[in-house]
Amino acid sequence: MADTNKSDTPHIDDIQKALEKQIAELRKEITRINKSISARGAEMLDDASEQASDFYETAASRASRTAQQLRTQAQAVSEVARENPGTTTAVIGVIGLLGFLAGLAIGQSMNDTPRRWY
């Protein structure tokens, strides 16, 4: 019985060494994979940052053009209002009256209790 245990021991040692070698190789492979994933993540981050920068530049350019157009149109409206004060007052009055009537209509339509006008 002692002989069989001694002969099994070198076999177990060989298996243990082989497993340790495989574990070491797997650790190296995992390290390579982690480096690869890290590099790919950095590339994706750079790409996303570049795209965000491009989107920001485009949006800023459009916002600048829009602001300039609004300024130009506001100046034109302001000049027309200065040239025609009577017409401007009438238009603003009509808009105010329409807004008031729209508010009354919406308020009446949202009221749950029916009202009689007589």
C-alpha atoms as a PDB file:
ATOM      1  CA  MET A   1       0.000   0.000   0.000  1.00  0.00           C
ATOM      2  CA  ALA A   2       2.844   2.357   0.742  1.00  0.00           C
ATOM      3  CA  ASP A   3       4.289   1.625  -2.676  1.00  0.00           C
ATOM      4  CA  THR A   4       1.175   2.684  -4.512  1.00  0.00           C
ATOM      5  CA  ASN A   5       0.975   5.995  -2.637  1.00  0.00           C
ATOM      6  CA  LYS A   6       4.602   6.787  -3.492  1.00  0.00           C
ATOM      7  CA  SER A   7       4.076   6.010  -7.133  1.00  0.00           C
ATOM      8  CA  ASP A   8       0.931   8.161  -7.195  1.00  0.00           C
ATOM      9  CA  THR A   9       2.717  11.131  -5.630  1.00  0.00           C
ATOM     10  CA  PRO A  10       4.874  11.997  -8.671  1.00  0.00           C
ATOM     11  CA  HIS A  11       1.799  11.693 -10.831  1.00  0.00           C
ATOM     12  CA  ILE A  12      -0.127  14.107  -8.578  1.00  0.00           C
ATOM     13  CA  ASP A  13       2.836  16.481  -8.541  1.00  0.00           C
ATOM     14  CA  ASP A  14       2.918  16.437 -12.348  1.00  0.00           C
ATOM     15  CA  ILE A  15      -0.805  17.198 -12.497  1.00  0.00           C
ATOM     16  CA  GLN A  16      -0.423  20.006  -9.967  1.00  0.00           C
ATOM     17  CA  LYS A  17       2.486  21.515 -11.926  1.00  0.00           C
ATOM     18  CA  ALA A  18       0.531  21.262 -15.163  1.00  0.00           C
ATOM     19  CA  LEU A  19      -2.480  22.957 -13.575  1.00  0.00           C
ATOM     20  CA  GLU A  20      -0.298  25.725 -12.125  1.00  0.00           C
ATOM     21  CA  LYS A  21       1.246  26.244 -15.549  1.00  0.00           C
ATOM     22  CA  GLN A  22      -2.225  26.462 -17.149  1.00  0.00           C
ATOM     23  CA  ILE A  23      -3.358  28.903 -14.454  1.00  0.00           C
ATOM     24  CA  ALA A  24      -0.300  31.084 -15.117  1.00  0.00           C
ATOM     25  CA  GLU A  25      -1.015  31.012 -18.856  1.00  0.00           C
ATOM     26  CA  LEU A  26      -4.659  31.883 -18.229  1.00  0.00           C
ATOM     27  CA  ARG A  27      -3.618  34.817 -16.035  1.00  0.00           C
ATOM     28  CA  LYS A  28      -1.340  36.079 -18.813  1.00  0.00           C
ATOM     29  CA  GLU A  29      -4.176  35.732 -21.321  1.00  0.00           C
ATOM     30  CA  ILE A  30      -6.594  37.581 -19.022  1.00  0.00           C
ATOM     31  CA  THR A  31      -4.011  40.349 -18.633  1.00  0.00           C
ATOM     32  CA  ARG A  32      -3.722  40.617 -22.436  1.00  0.00           C
ATOM     33  CA  ILE A  33      -7.505  40.666 -22.798  1.00  0.00           C
ATOM     34  CA  ASN A  34      -7.815  43.378 -20.126  1.00  0.00           C
ATOM     35  CA  LYS A  35      -5.199  45.491 -21.907  1.00  0.00           C
ATOM     36  CA  SER A  36      -7.019  45.012 -25.204  1.00  0.00           C
ATOM     37  CA  ILE A  37     -10.355  45.964 -23.661  1.00  0.00           C
ATOM     38  CA  SER A  38      -8.788  48.983 -21.998  1.00  0.00           C
ATOM     39  CA  ALA A  39      -7.259  50.151 -25.271  1.00  0.00           C
ATOM     40  CA  ARG A  40     -10.544  49.670 -27.111  1.00  0.00           C
ATOM     41  CA  GLY A  41     -12.394  51.560 -24.385  1.00  0.00           C
ATOM     42  CA  ALA A  42      -9.937  54.436 -24.680  1.00  0.00           C
ATOM     43  CA  GLU A  43     -10.451  54.499 -28.466  1.00  0.00           C
ATOM     44  CA  MET A  44     -14.217  54.536 -28.046  1.00  0.00           C
ATOM     45  CA  LEU A  45     -13.966  57.338 -25.476  1.00  0.00           C
ATOM     46  CA  ASP A  46     -11.821  59.378 -27.840  1.00  0.00           C
ATOM     47  CA  ASP A  47     -14.298  58.804 -30.682  1.00  0.00           C
ATOM     48  CA  ALA A  48     -17.259  59.781 -28.501  1.00  0.00           C
ATOM     49  CA  SER A  49     -15.433  62.878 -27.285  1.00  0.00           C
ATOM     50  CA  GLU A  50     -14.621  63.885 -30.856  1.00  0.00           C
ATOM     51  CA  GLN A  51     -18.239  63.395 -31.955  1.00  0.00           C
ATOM     52  CA  ALA A  52     -19.517  65.396 -28.982  1.00  0.00           C
ATOM     53  CA  SER A  53     -17.095  68.179 -29.834  1.00  0.00           C
ATOM     54  CA  ASP A  54     -18.305  68.194 -33.452  1.00  0.00           C
ATOM     55  CA  PHE A  55     -21.943  68.285 -32.339  1.00  0.00           C
ATOM     56  CA  TYR A  56     -21.192  71.149 -29.955  1.00  0.00           C
ATOM     57  CA  GLU A  57     -19.423  73.162 -32.640  1.00  0.00           C
ATOM     58  CA  THR A  58     -22.309  72.623 -35.064  1.00  0.00           C
ATOM     59  CA  ALA A  59     -24.901  73.575 -32.450  1.00  0.00           C
ATOM     60  CA  ALA A  60     -22.922  76.644 -31.395  1.00  0.00           C
ATOM     61  CA  SER A  61     -22.628  77.769 -35.011  1.00  0.00           C
ATOM     62  CA  ARG A  62     -26.351  77.318 -35.634  1.00  0.00           C
ATOM     63  CA  ALA A  63     -27.243  79.085 -32.380  1.00  0.00           C
ATOM     64  CA  SER A  64     -25.030  82.010 -33.335  1.00  0.00           C
ATOM     65  CA  ARG A  65     -26.659  82.315 -36.766  1.00  0.00           C
ATOM     66  CA  THR A  66     -30.136  82.033 -35.237  1.00  0.00           C
ATOM     67  CA  ALA A  67     -29.356  84.708 -32.646  1.00  0.00           C
ATOM     68  CA  GLN A  68     -28.102  87.024 -35.385  1.00  0.00           C
ATOM     69  CA  GLN A  69     -31.275  86.468 -37.438  1.00  0.00           C
ATOM     70  CA  LEU A  70     -33.447  87.132 -34.378  1.00  0.00           C
ATOM     71  CA  ARG A  71     -31.571  90.363 -33.677  1.00  0.00           C
ATOM     72  CA  THR A  72     -32.044  91.469 -37.276  1.00  0.00           C
ATOM     73  CA  GLN A  73     -35.751  90.662 -37.236  1.00  0.00           C
ATOM     74  CA  ALA A  74     -36.234  92.335 -33.838  1.00  0.00           C
ATOM     75  CA  GLN A  75     -34.591  95.487 -35.163  1.00  0.00           C
ATOM     76  CA  ALA A  76     -36.872  95.431 -38.227  1.00  0.00           C
ATOM     77  CA  VAL A  77     -39.979  95.014 -36.058  1.00  0.00           C
ATOM     78  CA  SER A  78     -38.773  97.751 -33.731  1.00  0.00           C
ATOM     79  CA  GLU A  79     -38.297 100.146 -36.653  1.00  0.00           C
ATOM     80  CA  VAL A  80     -41.769  99.385 -38.026  1.00  0.00           C
ATOM     81  CA  ALA A  81     -43.278  99.914 -34.560  1.00  0.00           C
ATOM     82  CA  ARG A  82     -41.529 103.301 -34.235  1.00  0.00           C
ATOM     83  CA  GLU A  83     -42.699 104.371 -37.681  1.00  0.00           C
ATOM     84  CA  ASN A  84     -46.342 103.340 -37.061  1.00  0.00           C
ATOM     85  CA  PRO A  85     -47.200 103.807 -33.353  1.00  0.00           C
ATOM     86  CA  GLY A  86     -50.968 103.828 -33.916  1.00  0.00           C
ATOM     87  CA  THR A  87     -50.991 100.597 -35.853  1.00  0.00           C
ATOM     88  CA  THR A  88     -48.678  98.994 -33.295  1.00  0.00           C
ATOM     89  CA  THR A  89     -51.008  99.955 -30.440  1.00  0.00           C
ATOM     90  CA  ALA A  90     -54.020  98.583 -32.300  1.00  0.00           C
ATOM     91  CA  VAL A  91     -52.300  95.282 -33.115  1.00  0.00           C
ATOM     92  CA  ILE A  92     -51.132  94.813 -29.512  1.00  0.00           C
ATOM     93  CA  GLY A  93     -54.641  95.654 -28.262  1.00  0.00           C
ATOM     94  CA  VAL A  94     -56.258  93.108 -30.596  1.00  0.00           C
ATOM     95  CA  ILE A  95     -53.740  90.435 -29.570  1.00  0.00           C
ATOM     96  CA  GLY A  96     -54.431  91.179 -25.900  1.00  0.00           C
ATOM     97  CA  LEU A  97     -58.193  90.980 -26.428  1.00  0.00           C
ATOM     98  CA  LEU A  98     -57.878  87.672 -28.307  1.00  0.00           C
ATOM     99  CA  GLY A  99     -55.701  86.285 -25.520  1.00  0.00           C
ATOM    100  CA  PHE A 100     -58.243  87.348 -22.894  1.00  0.00           C
ATOM    101  CA  LEU A 101     -61.126  85.742 -24.827  1.00  0.00           C
ATOM    102  CA  ALA A 102     -59.119  82.542 -25.316  1.00  0.00           C
ATOM    103  CA  GLY A 103     -58.440  82.436 -21.571  1.00  0.00           C
ATOM    104  CA  LEU A 104     -62.146  82.833 -20.802  1.00  0.00           C
ATOM    105  CA  ALA A 105     -63.068  80.076 -23.248  1.00  0.00           C
ATOM    106  CA  ILE A 106     -60.491  77.687 -21.816  1.00  0.00           C
ATOM    107  CA  GLY A 107     -61.560  78.504 -18.264  1.00  0.00           C
ATOM    108  CA  GLN A 108     -65.209  77.827 -19.086  1.00  0.00           C
ATOM    109  CA  SER A 109     -64.416  74.553 -20.837  1.00  0.00           C
ATOM    110  CA  MET A 110     -62.421  73.298 -17.842  1.00  0.00           C
ATOM    111  CA  ASN A 111     -65.130  74.189 -15.324  1.00  0.00           C
ATOM    112  CA  ASP A 112     -66.986  71.065 -14.138  1.00  0.00           C
ATOM    113  CA  THR A 113     -70.160  72.784 -12.908  1.00  0.00           C
ATOM    114  CA  PRO A 114     -72.578  73.875 -15.622  1.00  0.00           C
ATOM    115  CA  ARG A 115     -73.643  77.525 -15.552  1.00  0.00           C
ATOM    116  CA  ARG A 116     -76.758  79.069 -16.903  1.00  0.00           C
ATOM    117  CA  TRP A 117     -76.637  82.503 -18.408  1.00  0.00           C
ATOM    118  CA  TYR A 118     -80.235  83.430 -17.647  1.00  0.00           C
END
